[in-house]
Amino acid sequence: MPKANKGRGKVKFLPHEVELLADGQLQDVTHQGASCKWLRAKSSDVTESHTLVYRPVGDLECACLVQNGLLPSTQPYQAIIEGAEGREYSEKYLRGHKKVDSKPTTVVEFLVPRPLIERLFEMQHKVEDGVFSMGLGNKAGGGLPLFNESLKDHTTTWRIVLVKRGPKGRSDS
């Protein structure tokens, strides 16, 4: 077996990532010789009443979501991006094509009622690299309380669809 990670340290997943991998909810899609490990899930299907939005998150934001089922108000913009293009755009943050100071390690998929997305879109949206993003944070549309209420009452569900881990759990390797 090649020693691709020699001197780089062992990749360590967080407990919820280990559980998702063990349950088959995430698949290891890491290519041979990679310095980081990649876990991935296919996107969910949309319905007539719900649509998919995606958000790249760092470990602290993800921990709050995993522990409390809510997004914290720690990010001033907290963009969510709709559809397959939204997932592709969100993944750019983990692949190094886009930069942000929150050091994203995870892409989260939310299955959201269409009326909520329409309302959030009306509150605030902007074009970013050819996709529409909707800001939930206090410097954007301020829709985080509405979004979290939808998470609380389970009309919005979420799951992790992409994880990037480097040596010792870092994503910025």
N, C-alpha and C. Protein backbone atom coordinates (compact mmCIF):
# COMPACT_ATOMS: atom_id res chain seq x y z
N MET A 1 0.85 -1.19 0.00
CA MET A 1 0.00 0.00 0.00
C MET A 1 0.89 1.25 0.00
N PRO A 2 0.62 2.22 -0.87
CA PRO A 2 1.43 3.43 -0.92
C PRO A 2 1.28 4.26 0.35
N LYS A 3 2.33 4.95 0.70
CA LYS A 3 2.29 5.79 1.89
C LYS A 3 2.05 7.24 1.48
N ALA A 4 0.87 7.49 0.94
CA ALA A 4 0.54 8.82 0.40
C ALA A 4 0.49 9.89 1.48
N ASN A 5 0.16 9.50 2.70
CA ASN A 5 0.02 10.48 3.76
C ASN A 5 1.24 10.54 4.66
N LYS A 6 2.35 9.96 4.25
CA LYS A 6 3.55 9.94 5.08
C LYS A 6 3.93 11.37 5.46
N GLY A 7 4.06 11.59 6.76
CA GLY A 7 4.44 12.89 7.26
C GLY A 7 3.31 13.90 7.33
N ARG A 8 2.14 13.55 6.88
CA ARG A 8 1.03 14.50 6.88
C ARG A 8 0.06 14.26 8.03
N GLY A 9 0.19 13.16 8.71
CA GLY A 9 -0.72 12.87 9.81
C GLY A 9 -1.94 12.10 9.35
N LYS A 10 -2.59 11.50 10.32
CA LYS A 10 -3.77 10.69 10.05
C LYS A 10 -5.01 11.58 9.96
N VAL A 11 -5.88 11.24 9.04
CA VAL A 11 -7.14 11.96 8.89
C VAL A 11 -8.08 11.49 9.99
N LYS A 12 -8.69 12.46 10.68
CA LYS A 12 -9.60 12.13 11.77
C LYS A 12 -10.96 12.75 11.50
N PHE A 13 -11.99 11.90 11.48
CA PHE A 13 -13.36 12.36 11.29
C PHE A 13 -13.98 12.69 12.64
N LEU A 14 -14.97 13.56 12.62
CA LEU A 14 -15.73 13.88 13.83
C LEU A 14 -16.72 12.74 14.10
N PRO A 15 -17.17 12.59 15.35
CA PRO A 15 -18.06 11.47 15.69
C PRO A 15 -19.30 11.35 14.80
N HIS A 16 -19.95 12.47 14.49
CA HIS A 16 -21.16 12.38 13.65
C HIS A 16 -20.81 11.95 12.23
N GLU A 17 -19.60 12.29 11.76
CA GLU A 17 -19.17 11.87 10.42
C GLU A 17 -18.89 10.37 10.40
N VAL A 18 -18.27 9.87 11.46
CA VAL A 18 -18.01 8.43 11.58
C VAL A 18 -19.33 7.66 11.56
N GLU A 19 -20.31 8.17 12.30
CA GLU A 19 -21.63 7.53 12.36
C GLU A 19 -22.31 7.52 10.99
N LEU A 20 -22.27 8.66 10.27
CA LEU A 20 -22.89 8.73 8.96
C LEU A 20 -22.21 7.79 7.96
N LEU A 21 -20.90 7.67 8.07
CA LEU A 21 -20.14 6.77 7.21
C LEU A 21 -20.50 5.32 7.54
N ALA A 22 -20.55 4.98 8.82
CA ALA A 22 -20.89 3.62 9.24
C ALA A 22 -22.31 3.23 8.84
N ASP A 23 -23.22 4.20 8.88
CA ASP A 23 -24.62 3.95 8.52
C ASP A 23 -24.85 3.92 7.01
N GLY A 24 -23.81 4.23 6.24
CA GLY A 24 -23.95 4.25 4.79
C GLY A 24 -24.60 5.51 4.25
N GLN A 25 -24.79 6.52 5.11
CA GLN A 25 -25.39 7.77 4.66
C GLN A 25 -24.38 8.64 3.90
N LEU A 26 -23.10 8.40 4.15
CA LEU A 26 -22.01 9.03 3.40
C LEU A 26 -21.11 7.93 2.87
N GLN A 27 -20.52 8.17 1.71
CA GLN A 27 -19.59 7.22 1.10
C GLN A 27 -18.21 7.87 1.03
N ASP A 28 -17.17 7.09 1.26
CA ASP A 28 -15.80 7.59 1.10
C ASP A 28 -15.50 7.62 -0.40
N VAL A 29 -15.25 8.81 -0.92
CA VAL A 29 -14.98 8.97 -2.35
C VAL A 29 -13.58 9.54 -2.59
N THR A 30 -12.71 9.34 -1.62
CA THR A 30 -11.34 9.85 -1.69
C THR A 30 -10.56 9.13 -2.77
N HIS A 31 -9.86 9.89 -3.61
CA HIS A 31 -9.03 9.24 -4.63
C HIS A 31 -7.68 8.85 -4.02
N GLN A 32 -7.06 7.86 -4.60
CA GLN A 32 -5.78 7.35 -4.11
C GLN A 32 -4.73 8.46 -4.14
N GLY A 33 -3.99 8.57 -3.06
CA GLY A 33 -2.92 9.55 -2.96
C GLY A 33 -3.36 10.92 -2.49
N ALA A 34 -4.65 11.08 -2.19
CA ALA A 34 -5.16 12.38 -1.75
C ALA A 34 -4.64 12.72 -0.36
N SER A 35 -4.43 14.00 -0.11
CA SER A 35 -3.99 14.44 1.21
C SER A 35 -5.17 14.66 2.15
N CYS A 36 -6.37 14.73 1.62
CA CYS A 36 -7.59 14.90 2.40
C CYS A 36 -8.54 13.75 2.10
N LYS A 37 -9.43 13.50 3.05
CA LYS A 37 -10.47 12.48 2.86
C LYS A 37 -11.77 13.19 2.50
N TRP A 38 -12.53 12.58 1.61
CA TRP A 38 -13.80 13.13 1.14
C TRP A 38 -14.90 12.11 1.39
N LEU A 39 -15.98 12.56 2.02
CA LEU A 39 -17.18 11.76 2.21
C LEU A 39 -18.31 12.46 1.48
N ARG A 40 -19.14 11.68 0.78
CA ARG A 40 -20.15 12.29 -0.08
C ARG A 40 -21.44 11.47 -0.07
N ALA A 41 -22.55 12.16 -0.25
CA ALA A 41 -23.86 11.54 -0.44
C ALA A 41 -24.50 12.17 -1.67
N LYS A 42 -25.33 11.39 -2.35
CA LYS A 42 -26.09 11.94 -3.48
C LYS A 42 -27.13 12.92 -2.95
N SER A 43 -27.53 13.84 -3.80
CA SER A 43 -28.58 14.79 -3.43
C SER A 43 -29.91 14.08 -3.29
N SER A 44 -30.76 14.63 -2.44
CA SER A 44 -32.11 14.11 -2.26
C SER A 44 -32.96 14.49 -3.47
N ASP A 45 -34.12 13.90 -3.56
CA ASP A 45 -35.08 14.26 -4.59
C ASP A 45 -35.95 15.41 -4.09
N VAL A 46 -36.28 16.31 -4.98
CA VAL A 46 -37.20 17.39 -4.63
C VAL A 46 -38.63 16.90 -4.82
N THR A 47 -39.56 17.62 -4.23
CA THR A 47 -40.98 17.29 -4.36
C THR A 47 -41.71 18.53 -4.86
N GLU A 48 -42.99 18.39 -5.10
CA GLU A 48 -43.78 19.55 -5.52
C GLU A 48 -43.83 20.60 -4.42
N SER A 49 -43.81 20.16 -3.17
CA SER A 49 -43.97 21.09 -2.05
C SER A 49 -42.64 21.57 -1.45
N HIS A 50 -41.54 20.90 -1.77
CA HIS A 50 -40.25 21.23 -1.17
C HIS A 50 -39.15 21.36 -2.24
N THR A 51 -38.13 22.13 -1.91
CA THR A 51 -36.97 22.30 -2.77
C THR A 51 -35.71 22.10 -1.93
N LEU A 52 -34.58 21.94 -2.59
CA LEU A 52 -33.31 21.76 -1.90
C LEU A 52 -32.51 23.05 -1.91
N VAL A 53 -31.91 23.37 -0.77
CA VAL A 53 -30.92 24.45 -0.69
C VAL A 53 -29.69 23.88 0.02
N TYR A 54 -28.56 24.51 -0.26
CA TYR A 54 -27.29 24.02 0.26
C TYR A 54 -26.56 25.15 0.98
N ARG A 55 -25.76 24.76 1.95
CA ARG A 55 -24.94 25.72 2.69
C ARG A 55 -23.60 25.09 3.08
N PRO A 56 -22.49 25.74 2.72
CA PRO A 56 -21.19 25.28 3.23
C PRO A 56 -21.02 25.79 4.65
N VAL A 57 -20.62 24.92 5.56
CA VAL A 57 -20.48 25.31 6.97
C VAL A 57 -19.13 24.85 7.52
N GLY A 58 -18.65 25.58 8.50
CA GLY A 58 -17.46 25.19 9.25
C GLY A 58 -17.86 24.28 10.40
N ASP A 59 -16.88 23.80 11.13
CA ASP A 59 -17.14 22.84 12.20
C ASP A 59 -18.03 23.39 13.32
N LEU A 60 -17.85 24.65 13.71
CA LEU A 60 -18.66 25.20 14.80
C LEU A 60 -20.13 25.32 14.40
N GLU A 61 -20.37 25.80 13.19
CA GLU A 61 -21.74 25.92 12.71
C GLU A 61 -22.38 24.54 12.55
N CYS A 62 -21.60 23.59 12.04
CA CYS A 62 -22.11 22.23 11.86
C CYS A 62 -22.40 21.58 13.22
N ALA A 63 -21.53 21.81 14.21
CA ALA A 63 -21.74 21.24 15.54
C ALA A 63 -23.05 21.74 16.15
N CYS A 64 -23.35 23.01 15.96
CA CYS A 64 -24.61 23.56 16.47
C CYS A 64 -25.81 22.89 15.78
N LEU A 65 -25.70 22.70 14.48
CA LEU A 65 -26.77 22.05 13.73
C LEU A 65 -26.95 20.59 14.19
N VAL A 66 -25.84 19.88 14.34
CA VAL A 66 -25.90 18.48 14.77
C VAL A 66 -26.47 18.37 16.19
N GLN A 67 -26.03 19.25 17.09
CA GLN A 67 -26.44 19.15 18.49
C GLN A 67 -27.83 19.71 18.76
N ASN A 68 -28.17 20.82 18.09
CA ASN A 68 -29.42 21.52 18.40
C ASN A 68 -30.46 21.48 17.30
N GLY A 69 -30.06 21.07 16.10
CA GLY A 69 -30.98 21.05 14.97
C GLY A 69 -31.27 22.42 14.41
N LEU A 70 -30.44 23.42 14.77
CA LEU A 70 -30.64 24.80 14.32
C LEU A 70 -29.33 25.38 13.82
N LEU A 71 -29.43 26.38 12.95
CA LEU A 71 -28.25 27.11 12.54
C LEU A 71 -28.00 28.23 13.55
N PRO A 72 -26.75 28.43 13.97
CA PRO A 72 -26.46 29.51 14.91
C PRO A 72 -26.43 30.86 14.18
N SER A 73 -26.50 31.92 14.94
CA SER A 73 -26.45 33.26 14.34
C SER A 73 -25.03 33.80 14.36
N THR A 74 -24.07 32.95 14.04
CA THR A 74 -22.66 33.32 14.12
C THR A 74 -22.12 33.94 12.84
N GLN A 75 -22.80 33.77 11.74
CA GLN A 75 -22.31 34.26 10.46
C GLN A 75 -23.16 35.44 9.99
N PRO A 76 -22.54 36.54 9.56
CA PRO A 76 -23.32 37.72 9.19
C PRO A 76 -24.17 37.56 7.94
N TYR A 77 -23.79 36.66 7.02
CA TYR A 77 -24.53 36.51 5.77
C TYR A 77 -25.28 35.19 5.70
N GLN A 78 -24.65 34.09 6.04
CA GLN A 78 -25.26 32.76 6.05
C GLN A 78 -26.06 32.45 4.79
N ALA A 79 -25.38 32.42 3.68
CA ALA A 79 -26.03 32.19 2.40
C ALA A 79 -26.49 30.75 2.26
N ILE A 80 -27.67 30.60 1.68
CA ILE A 80 -28.16 29.31 1.22
C ILE A 80 -28.40 29.46 -0.27
N ILE A 81 -28.15 28.38 -1.01
CA ILE A 81 -28.23 28.44 -2.46
C ILE A 81 -29.07 27.26 -2.94
N GLU A 82 -30.01 27.53 -3.82
CA GLU A 82 -31.00 26.53 -4.23
C GLU A 82 -30.53 25.66 -5.39
N GLY A 83 -30.97 24.41 -5.36
CA GLY A 83 -30.85 23.49 -6.48
C GLY A 83 -29.48 22.88 -6.68
N ALA A 84 -29.37 22.12 -7.77
CA ALA A 84 -28.12 21.44 -8.11
C ALA A 84 -26.98 22.44 -8.28
N GLU A 85 -27.30 23.60 -8.85
CA GLU A 85 -26.29 24.65 -9.01
C GLU A 85 -25.85 25.17 -7.65
N GLY A 86 -26.76 25.19 -6.70
CA GLY A 86 -26.44 25.62 -5.35
C GLY A 86 -25.50 24.66 -4.65
N ARG A 87 -25.69 23.37 -4.90
CA ARG A 87 -24.77 22.39 -4.32
C ARG A 87 -23.39 22.56 -4.95
N GLU A 88 -23.35 22.67 -6.26
CA GLU A 88 -22.07 22.83 -6.95
C GLU A 88 -21.34 24.07 -6.43
N TYR A 89 -22.07 25.16 -6.27
CA TYR A 89 -21.48 26.40 -5.78
C TYR A 89 -20.97 26.21 -4.34
N SER A 90 -21.75 25.58 -3.48
CA SER A 90 -21.36 25.35 -2.09
C SER A 90 -20.11 24.49 -1.99
N GLU A 91 -20.00 23.51 -2.88
CA GLU A 91 -18.84 22.62 -2.86
C GLU A 91 -17.55 23.34 -3.25
N LYS A 92 -17.66 24.45 -3.97
CA LYS A 92 -16.46 25.21 -4.35
C LYS A 92 -15.69 25.68 -3.12
N TYR A 93 -16.38 25.92 -2.02
CA TYR A 93 -15.72 26.37 -0.80
C TYR A 93 -14.84 25.28 -0.20
N LEU A 94 -15.24 24.03 -0.35
CA LEU A 94 -14.44 22.93 0.17
C LEU A 94 -13.32 22.55 -0.80
N ARG A 95 -13.53 22.82 -2.07
CA ARG A 95 -12.55 22.45 -3.09
C ARG A 95 -11.49 23.53 -3.31
N GLY A 96 -11.61 24.65 -2.59
CA GLY A 96 -10.61 25.71 -2.69
C GLY A 96 -10.83 26.70 -3.80
N HIS A 97 -11.96 26.63 -4.49
CA HIS A 97 -12.24 27.56 -5.58
C HIS A 97 -12.87 28.86 -5.09
N LYS A 98 -13.38 28.85 -3.86
CA LYS A 98 -13.96 30.02 -3.21
C LYS A 98 -13.39 30.06 -1.80
N LYS A 99 -13.20 31.26 -1.26
CA LYS A 99 -12.63 31.41 0.07
C LYS A 99 -13.60 32.16 0.99
N VAL A 100 -13.57 31.76 2.25
CA VAL A 100 -14.34 32.43 3.28
C VAL A 100 -13.63 32.16 4.60
N ASP A 101 -13.75 33.06 5.56
CA ASP A 101 -13.00 32.92 6.80
C ASP A 101 -13.55 31.89 7.77
N SER A 102 -14.72 31.33 7.51
CA SER A 102 -15.31 30.34 8.42
C SER A 102 -14.76 28.93 8.21
N LYS A 103 -13.86 28.75 7.27
CA LYS A 103 -13.20 27.47 6.99
C LYS A 103 -14.18 26.30 6.87
N PRO A 104 -15.00 26.31 5.84
CA PRO A 104 -15.98 25.23 5.67
C PRO A 104 -15.33 23.86 5.52
N THR A 105 -15.96 22.89 6.15
CA THR A 105 -15.54 21.49 6.07
C THR A 105 -16.67 20.61 5.56
N THR A 106 -17.88 21.18 5.49
CA THR A 106 -19.09 20.39 5.30
C THR A 106 -20.08 21.15 4.42
N VAL A 107 -20.77 20.42 3.56
CA VAL A 107 -21.90 20.99 2.83
C VAL A 107 -23.16 20.31 3.37
N VAL A 108 -24.11 21.15 3.78
CA VAL A 108 -25.37 20.65 4.31
C VAL A 108 -26.47 20.91 3.29
N GLU A 109 -27.32 19.90 3.13
CA GLU A 109 -28.48 19.99 2.24
C GLU A 109 -29.72 20.14 3.12
N PHE A 110 -30.56 21.10 2.76
CA PHE A 110 -31.83 21.32 3.46
C PHE A 110 -32.97 21.09 2.48
N LEU A 111 -33.96 20.32 2.90
CA LEU A 111 -35.19 20.12 2.13
C LEU A 111 -36.22 21.07 2.74
N VAL A 112 -36.54 22.13 2.00
CA VAL A 112 -37.28 23.29 2.54
C VAL A 112 -38.60 23.48 1.80
N PRO A 113 -39.66 23.83 2.53
CA PRO A 113 -40.92 24.13 1.86
C PRO A 113 -40.74 25.28 0.86
N ARG A 114 -41.29 25.11 -0.31
CA ARG A 114 -41.15 26.15 -1.35
C ARG A 114 -41.65 27.53 -0.91
N PRO A 115 -42.77 27.62 -0.18
CA PRO A 115 -43.22 28.95 0.25
C PRO A 115 -42.18 29.67 1.14
N LEU A 116 -41.46 28.93 1.96
CA LEU A 116 -40.43 29.55 2.80
C LEU A 116 -39.29 30.09 1.92
N ILE A 117 -38.87 29.31 0.94
CA ILE A 117 -37.80 29.77 0.06
C ILE A 117 -38.25 31.00 -0.73
N GLU A 118 -39.49 31.00 -1.17
CA GLU A 118 -40.01 32.17 -1.89
C GLU A 118 -39.98 33.41 -0.99
N ARG A 119 -40.35 33.23 0.27
CA ARG A 119 -40.33 34.36 1.21
C ARG A 119 -38.90 34.83 1.48
N LEU A 120 -37.98 33.90 1.70
CA LEU A 120 -36.58 34.27 1.93
C LEU A 120 -35.99 34.96 0.71
N PHE A 121 -36.36 34.48 -0.47
CA PHE A 121 -35.89 35.09 -1.72
C PHE A 121 -36.38 36.53 -1.83
N GLU A 122 -37.64 36.76 -1.45
CA GLU A 122 -38.18 38.12 -1.47
C GLU A 122 -37.48 39.02 -0.47
N MET A 123 -37.09 38.47 0.67
CA MET A 123 -36.43 39.25 1.72
C MET A 123 -35.03 39.71 1.27
N GLN A 124 -34.30 38.81 0.60
CA GLN A 124 -32.96 39.15 0.13
C GLN A 124 -32.45 38.04 -0.77
N HIS A 125 -31.87 38.44 -1.86
CA HIS A 125 -31.16 37.50 -2.73
C HIS A 125 -30.16 38.29 -3.55
N LYS A 126 -29.15 37.60 -4.02
CA LYS A 126 -28.18 38.23 -4.91
C LYS A 126 -27.57 37.16 -5.79
N VAL A 127 -26.99 37.61 -6.88
CA VAL A 127 -26.34 36.70 -7.82
C VAL A 127 -24.89 36.54 -7.39
N GLU A 128 -24.46 35.29 -7.27
CA GLU A 128 -23.06 34.97 -6.97
C GLU A 128 -22.62 33.91 -7.96
N ASP A 129 -21.69 34.25 -8.83
CA ASP A 129 -21.16 33.30 -9.81
C ASP A 129 -22.25 32.57 -10.58
N GLY A 130 -23.30 33.29 -10.95
CA GLY A 130 -24.35 32.71 -11.78
C GLY A 130 -25.45 31.99 -11.03
N VAL A 131 -25.41 31.98 -9.69
CA VAL A 131 -26.48 31.37 -8.90
C VAL A 131 -27.07 32.43 -7.97
N PHE A 132 -28.31 32.23 -7.58
CA PHE A 132 -28.94 33.11 -6.61
C PHE A 132 -28.69 32.58 -5.22
N SER A 133 -28.17 33.42 -4.35
CA SER A 133 -28.05 33.05 -2.94
C SER A 133 -29.02 33.89 -2.14
N MET A 134 -29.50 33.31 -1.06
CA MET A 134 -30.38 34.01 -0.13
C MET A 134 -29.64 34.07 1.20
N GLY A 135 -29.51 35.27 1.75
CA GLY A 135 -28.80 35.43 3.01
C GLY A 135 -29.75 35.33 4.18
N LEU A 136 -29.36 34.52 5.17
CA LEU A 136 -30.17 34.36 6.37
C LEU A 136 -29.69 35.27 7.49
N GLY A 137 -28.44 35.70 7.43
CA GLY A 137 -27.81 36.42 8.53
C GLY A 137 -28.28 37.85 8.69
N ASN A 138 -27.79 38.49 9.77
CA ASN A 138 -28.22 39.85 10.11
C ASN A 138 -27.70 40.91 9.14
N LYS A 139 -26.67 40.61 8.35
CA LYS A 139 -26.18 41.55 7.35
C LYS A 139 -26.76 41.25 5.97
N ALA A 140 -27.66 40.29 5.92
CA ALA A 140 -28.29 39.93 4.65
C ALA A 140 -29.80 40.08 4.85
N GLY A 141 -30.55 39.06 4.56
CA GLY A 141 -32.00 39.14 4.63
C GLY A 141 -32.59 39.04 6.02
N GLY A 142 -31.81 38.51 6.96
CA GLY A 142 -32.32 38.37 8.32
C GLY A 142 -33.35 37.28 8.48
N GLY A 143 -33.37 36.33 7.58
CA GLY A 143 -34.38 35.26 7.62
C GLY A 143 -34.04 34.08 8.50
N LEU A 144 -32.93 34.16 9.25
CA LEU A 144 -32.53 33.02 10.08
C LEU A 144 -33.62 32.59 11.07
N PRO A 145 -34.31 33.50 11.76
CA PRO A 145 -35.37 33.04 12.66
C PRO A 145 -36.47 32.24 11.94
N LEU A 146 -36.85 32.66 10.73
CA LEU A 146 -37.85 31.91 9.96
C LEU A 146 -37.33 30.53 9.58
N PHE A 147 -36.06 30.50 9.14
CA PHE A 147 -35.45 29.24 8.73
C PHE A 147 -35.34 28.29 9.93
N ASN A 148 -34.88 28.80 11.06
CA ASN A 148 -34.75 27.96 12.25
C ASN A 148 -36.09 27.49 12.77
N GLU A 149 -37.12 28.31 12.65
CA GLU A 149 -38.46 27.89 13.05
C GLU A 149 -38.91 26.71 12.21
N SER A 150 -38.60 26.75 10.94
CA SER A 150 -38.92 25.65 10.03
C SER A 150 -38.14 24.39 10.40
N LEU A 151 -36.91 24.56 10.87
CA LEU A 151 -36.13 23.41 11.35
C LEU A 151 -36.74 22.86 12.64
N LYS A 152 -37.17 23.75 13.53
CA LYS A 152 -37.76 23.34 14.81
C LYS A 152 -39.02 22.52 14.61
N ASP A 153 -39.88 22.99 13.69
CA ASP A 153 -41.15 22.28 13.50
C ASP A 153 -41.05 21.15 12.47
N HIS A 154 -39.83 20.90 12.01
CA HIS A 154 -39.53 19.78 11.11
C HIS A 154 -40.19 19.88 9.74
N THR A 155 -40.62 21.08 9.35
CA THR A 155 -41.08 21.24 7.97
C THR A 155 -39.87 21.35 7.04
N THR A 156 -38.72 21.72 7.60
CA THR A 156 -37.43 21.67 6.90
C THR A 156 -36.59 20.59 7.54
N THR A 157 -36.02 19.75 6.71
CA THR A 157 -35.12 18.71 7.21
C THR A 157 -33.73 18.97 6.62
N TRP A 158 -32.73 18.35 7.20
CA TRP A 158 -31.36 18.58 6.73
C TRP A 158 -30.56 17.30 6.83
N ARG A 159 -29.47 17.30 6.05
CA ARG A 159 -28.49 16.21 6.14
C ARG A 159 -27.18 16.68 5.54
N ILE A 160 -26.13 16.02 5.93
CA ILE A 160 -24.80 16.33 5.44
C ILE A 160 -24.59 15.58 4.13
N VAL A 161 -24.10 16.29 3.09
CA VAL A 161 -23.89 15.65 1.79
C VAL A 161 -22.44 15.68 1.33
N LEU A 162 -21.57 16.43 2.00
CA LEU A 162 -20.16 16.44 1.64
C LEU A 162 -19.32 16.84 2.84
N VAL A 163 -18.23 16.10 3.05
CA VAL A 163 -17.29 16.39 4.13
C VAL A 163 -15.89 16.30 3.57
N LYS A 164 -15.07 17.26 3.95
CA LYS A 164 -13.64 17.24 3.60
C LYS A 164 -12.84 17.30 4.91
N ARG A 165 -11.96 16.33 5.09
CA ARG A 165 -11.11 16.27 6.27
C ARG A 165 -9.66 16.07 5.87
N GLY A 166 -8.81 16.88 6.42
CA GLY A 166 -7.37 16.73 6.24
C GLY A 166 -6.76 16.10 7.48
N PRO A 167 -5.45 16.04 7.52
CA PRO A 167 -4.77 15.48 8.69
C PRO A 167 -5.23 16.17 9.97
N LYS A 168 -5.44 15.37 10.99
CA LYS A 168 -5.89 15.84 12.32
C LYS A 168 -7.21 16.57 12.24
N GLY A 169 -8.05 16.23 11.26
CA GLY A 169 -9.39 16.78 11.17
C GLY A 169 -9.51 18.10 10.45
N ARG A 170 -8.40 18.71 10.05
CA ARG A 170 -8.46 20.01 9.39
C ARG A 170 -9.01 19.87 7.97
N SER A 171 -9.65 20.94 7.52
CA SER A 171 -10.15 20.95 6.15
C SER A 171 -9.22 21.70 5.23
N ASP A 172 -8.35 22.54 5.78
CA ASP A 172 -7.53 23.43 4.97
C ASP A 172 -6.18 22.84 4.64
N SER A 173 -6.14 21.54 4.41
CA SER A 173 -4.87 20.86 4.13
C SER A 173 -4.57 20.89 2.66
